[in-house]
C-alpha atoms as a PDB file:
ATOM      1  CA  MET A   1      20.345 -28.145 -30.632  1.00  0.00           C
ATOM      2  CA  LYS A   2      19.450 -26.432 -33.817  1.00  0.00           C
ATOM      3  CA  GLY A   3      17.998 -22.999 -33.249  1.00  0.00           C
ATOM      4  CA  LEU A   4      19.641 -22.468 -29.853  1.00  0.00           C
ATOM      5  CA  PRO A   5      22.005 -19.501 -29.413  1.00  0.00           C
ATOM      6  CA  GLY A   6      25.630 -20.371 -30.086  1.00  0.00           C
ATOM      7  CA  ARG A   7      26.835 -19.342 -26.665  1.00  0.00           C
ATOM      8  CA  TYR A   8      24.216 -21.638 -25.014  1.00  0.00           C
ATOM      9  CA  GLN A   9      25.326 -24.528 -27.248  1.00  0.00           C
ATOM     10  CA  GLN A  10      28.979 -23.915 -26.197  1.00  0.00           C
ATOM     11  CA  PHE A  11      27.946 -23.888 -22.543  1.00  0.00           C
ATOM     12  CA  ARG A  12      26.140 -27.214 -22.926  1.00  0.00           C
ATOM     13  CA  GLN A  13      29.287 -28.743 -24.578  1.00  0.00           C
ATOM     14  CA  GLN A  14      31.678 -27.306 -21.992  1.00  0.00           C
ATOM     15  CA  PHE A  15      29.537 -28.228 -18.993  1.00  0.00           C
ATOM     16  CA  PRO A  16      27.387 -31.259 -19.795  1.00  0.00           C
ATOM     17  CA  LYS A  17      26.710 -32.263 -16.194  1.00  0.00           C
ATOM     18  CA  ILE A  18      25.543 -28.766 -15.243  1.00  0.00           C
ATOM     19  CA  SER A  19      23.434 -28.589 -18.410  1.00  0.00           C
ATOM     20  CA  GLN A  20      21.788 -31.892 -17.537  1.00  0.00           C
ATOM     21  CA  ALA A  21      21.100 -30.748 -13.994  1.00  0.00           C
ATOM     22  CA  TYR A  22      19.628 -27.490 -15.292  1.00  0.00           C
ATOM     23  CA  ASP A  23      17.370 -29.432 -17.742  1.00  0.00           C
ATOM     24  CA  ASP A  24      16.306 -31.766 -14.916  1.00  0.00           C
ATOM     25  CA  ILE A  25      15.313 -28.984 -12.540  1.00  0.00           C
ATOM     26  CA  GLY A  26      13.438 -27.150 -15.300  1.00  0.00           C
ATOM     27  CA  ARG A  27      11.529 -30.300 -16.112  1.00  0.00           C
ATOM     28  CA  LEU A  28      10.817 -31.142 -12.477  1.00  0.00           C
ATOM     29  CA  THR A  29       9.485 -27.668 -11.653  1.00  0.00           C
ATOM     30  CA  ALA A  30       7.218 -27.669 -14.733  1.00  0.00           C
ATOM     31  CA  GLU A  31       5.919 -31.064 -13.655  1.00  0.00           C
ATOM     32  CA  ALA A  32       5.477 -30.124  -9.970  1.00  0.00           C
ATOM     33  CA  GLY A  33       1.904 -28.980 -10.357  1.00  0.00           C
ATOM     34  CA  PRO A  34      -1.239 -29.070 -12.552  1.00  0.00           C
ATOM     35  CA  LEU A  35      -0.281 -26.477 -15.124  1.00  0.00           C
ATOM     36  CA  ASP A  36      -0.115 -27.555 -18.703  1.00  0.00           C
ATOM     37  CA  GLU A  37       2.802 -26.788 -20.981  1.00  0.00           C
ATOM     38  CA  LYS A  38       1.147 -23.849 -22.662  1.00  0.00           C
ATOM     39  CA  LEU A  39       0.363 -22.157 -19.369  1.00  0.00           C
ATOM     40  CA  VAL A  40       3.797 -22.880 -17.991  1.00  0.00           C
ATOM     41  CA  GLN A  41       5.421 -21.219 -20.979  1.00  0.00           C
ATOM     42  CA  LEU A  42       3.100 -18.204 -20.806  1.00  0.00           C
ATOM     43  CA  ILE A  43       3.923 -17.690 -17.137  1.00  0.00           C
ATOM     44  CA  LYS A  44       7.634 -18.101 -17.794  1.00  0.00           C
ATOM     45  CA  LEU A  45       7.261 -15.546 -20.632  1.00  0.00           C
ATOM     46  CA  GLY A  46       5.700 -13.091 -18.188  1.00  0.00           C
ATOM     47  CA  ILE A  47       8.595 -13.628 -15.749  1.00  0.00           C
ATOM     48  CA  ALA A  48      11.114 -13.088 -18.530  1.00  0.00           C
ATOM     49  CA  ILE A  49       9.406  -9.828 -19.587  1.00  0.00           C
ATOM     50  CA  ALA A  50       9.347  -8.557 -15.959  1.00  0.00           C
ATOM     51  CA  SER A  51      13.086  -9.335 -15.547  1.00  0.00           C
ATOM     52  CA  ALA A  52      13.933  -7.791 -18.933  1.00  0.00           C
ATOM     53  CA  GLN A  53      15.629 -10.937 -20.186  1.00  0.00           C
ATOM     54  CA  GLU A  54      15.532 -10.692 -23.991  1.00  0.00           C
ATOM     55  CA  GLY A  55      16.842 -14.178 -24.675  1.00  0.00           C
ATOM     56  CA  ALA A  56      14.374 -15.681 -22.249  1.00  0.00           C
ATOM     57  CA  VAL A  57      11.530 -13.765 -23.785  1.00  0.00           C
ATOM     58  CA  HIS A  58      12.527 -15.136 -27.157  1.00  0.00           C
ATOM     59  CA  SER A  59      12.773 -18.632 -25.810  1.00  0.00           C
ATOM     60  CA  HIS A  60       9.505 -18.679 -23.922  1.00  0.00           C
ATOM     61  CA  ALA A  61       7.530 -16.865 -26.663  1.00  0.00           C
ATOM     62  CA  ARG A  62       8.749 -19.575 -29.087  1.00  0.00           C
ATOM     63  CA  ARG A  63       7.995 -22.331 -26.653  1.00  0.00           C
ATOM     64  CA  ALA A  64       4.537 -20.928 -25.797  1.00  0.00           C
ATOM     65  CA  PHE A  65       3.737 -20.814 -29.532  1.00  0.00           C
ATOM     66  CA  GLU A  66       4.952 -24.393 -29.983  1.00  0.00           C
ATOM     67  CA  ALA A  67       2.795 -25.454 -26.990  1.00  0.00           C
ATOM     68  CA  GLY A  68      -0.304 -24.060 -28.707  1.00  0.00           C
ATOM     69  CA  ALA A  69      -0.600 -20.445 -27.539  1.00  0.00           C
ATOM     70  CA  THR A  70      -1.955 -18.067 -30.085  1.00  0.00           C
ATOM     71  CA  ARG A  71      -0.235 -14.894 -31.147  1.00  0.00           C
ATOM     72  CA  GLU A  72      -2.857 -12.975 -29.238  1.00  0.00           C
ATOM     73  CA  GLU A  73      -2.283 -14.896 -26.038  1.00  0.00           C
ATOM     74  CA  ILE A  74       1.434 -14.408 -26.278  1.00  0.00           C
ATOM     75  CA  ARG A  75       1.053 -10.645 -26.878  1.00  0.00           C
ATOM     76  CA  GLN A  76      -1.446 -10.371 -24.040  1.00  0.00           C
ATOM     77  CA  VAL A  77       1.234 -11.567 -21.606  1.00  0.00           C
ATOM     78  CA  ALA A  78       3.317  -8.485 -22.529  1.00  0.00           C
ATOM     79  CA  LEU A  79       0.293  -6.215 -22.164  1.00  0.00           C
ATOM     80  CA  LEU A  80      -0.322  -7.620 -18.708  1.00  0.00           C
ATOM     81  CA  ALA A  81       3.150  -6.432 -17.721  1.00  0.00           C
ATOM     82  CA  LEU A  82       2.128  -2.801 -18.158  1.00  0.00           C
ATOM     83  CA  THR A  83       0.567  -2.230 -14.759  1.00  0.00           C
ATOM     84  CA  THR A  84       3.089  -4.365 -12.909  1.00  0.00           C
ATOM     85  CA  VAL A  85       6.498  -3.533 -14.318  1.00  0.00           C
ATOM     86  CA  GLY A  86       5.722  -0.466 -16.420  1.00  0.00           C
ATOM     87  CA  PHE A  87       5.446   0.771 -20.005  1.00  0.00           C
ATOM     88  CA  PRO A  88       9.120   0.479 -21.008  1.00  0.00           C
ATOM     89  CA  ARG A  89       9.383  -3.233 -20.057  1.00  0.00           C
ATOM     90  CA  MET A  90       6.019  -3.961 -21.664  1.00  0.00           C
ATOM     91  CA  MET A  91       7.194  -2.279 -24.859  1.00  0.00           C
ATOM     92  CA  ALA A  92      10.497  -4.161 -24.778  1.00  0.00           C
ATOM     93  CA  GLY A  93       8.562  -7.421 -24.235  1.00  0.00           C
ATOM     94  CA  LEU A  94       6.283  -6.775 -27.177  1.00  0.00           C
ATOM     95  CA  SER A  95       9.257  -6.007 -29.353  1.00  0.00           C
ATOM     96  CA  TRP A  96      11.039  -9.206 -28.386  1.00  0.00           C
ATOM     97  CA  ILE A  97       7.784 -11.242 -28.836  1.00  0.00           C
ATOM     98  CA  ASP A  98       7.327  -9.734 -32.265  1.00  0.00           C
ATOM     99  CA  ASP A  99      10.902 -10.819 -33.141  1.00  0.00           C
ATOM    100  CA  VAL A 100       9.835 -14.432 -32.559  1.00  0.00           C
ATOM    101  CA  LEU A 101       6.467 -14.142 -34.246  1.00  0.00           C
ATOM    102  CA  LYS A 102       8.130 -12.651 -37.333  1.00  0.00           C
ATOM    103  CA  ASP A 103      10.628 -15.519 -37.377  1.00  0.00           C
ATOM    104  CA  VAL A 104       7.696 -17.978 -37.139  1.00  0.00           C
ATOM    105  CA  ALA A 105       5.937 -16.276 -40.014  1.00  0.00           C
ATOM    106  CA  ARG A 106       9.094 -16.268 -42.172  1.00  0.00           C
ATOM    107  CA  LYS A 107       9.732 -19.967 -41.494  1.00  0.00           C
ATOM    108  CA  ARG A 108       6.170 -20.830 -42.468  1.00  0.00           C
ATOM    109  CA  ARG A 109       6.732 -18.993 -45.779  1.00  0.00           C
ATOM    110  CA  GLY A 110      10.045 -20.778 -46.211  1.00  0.00           C
ATOM    111  CA  VAL A 111      12.151 -17.641 -45.919  1.00  0.00           C
ATOM    112  CA  ARG A 112      15.521 -18.040 -44.170  1.00  0.00           C
ATOM    113  CA  THR A 113      16.344 -15.769 -41.293  1.00  0.00           C
ATOM    114  CA  THR A 114      19.664 -14.013 -41.217  1.00  0.00           C
ATOM    115  CA  ARG A 115      19.556 -12.871 -37.636  1.00  0.00           C
ATOM    116  CA  ALA A 116      22.382 -14.339 -35.519  1.00  0.00           C
ATOM    117  CA  ARG A 117      21.384 -16.040 -32.321  1.00  0.00           C
END
């Protein structure tokens, strides 16, 4: 579970059955239709931005990148939020996305991050 927030790891250890059920429903909903993993993660990123969930934005931006989305595609998701949920949420989403993209760039250069998760 490397890279996951400490509180989330604690939850998984304290409640393994609930964690497994949560994993299962996430997998089943992602597999319920024709969307590929990249598109699923971009959509979930948009939902996270709209609901102002910083941790979820970090998670789905990272997952979208890992699924093959480009930096431009990931940032466009935040831009699309502008006319639906407003400028402040779009800006927050861009900021949280940039957190992830900066971490990705640092890791590629071999620089350790000091930010607690």
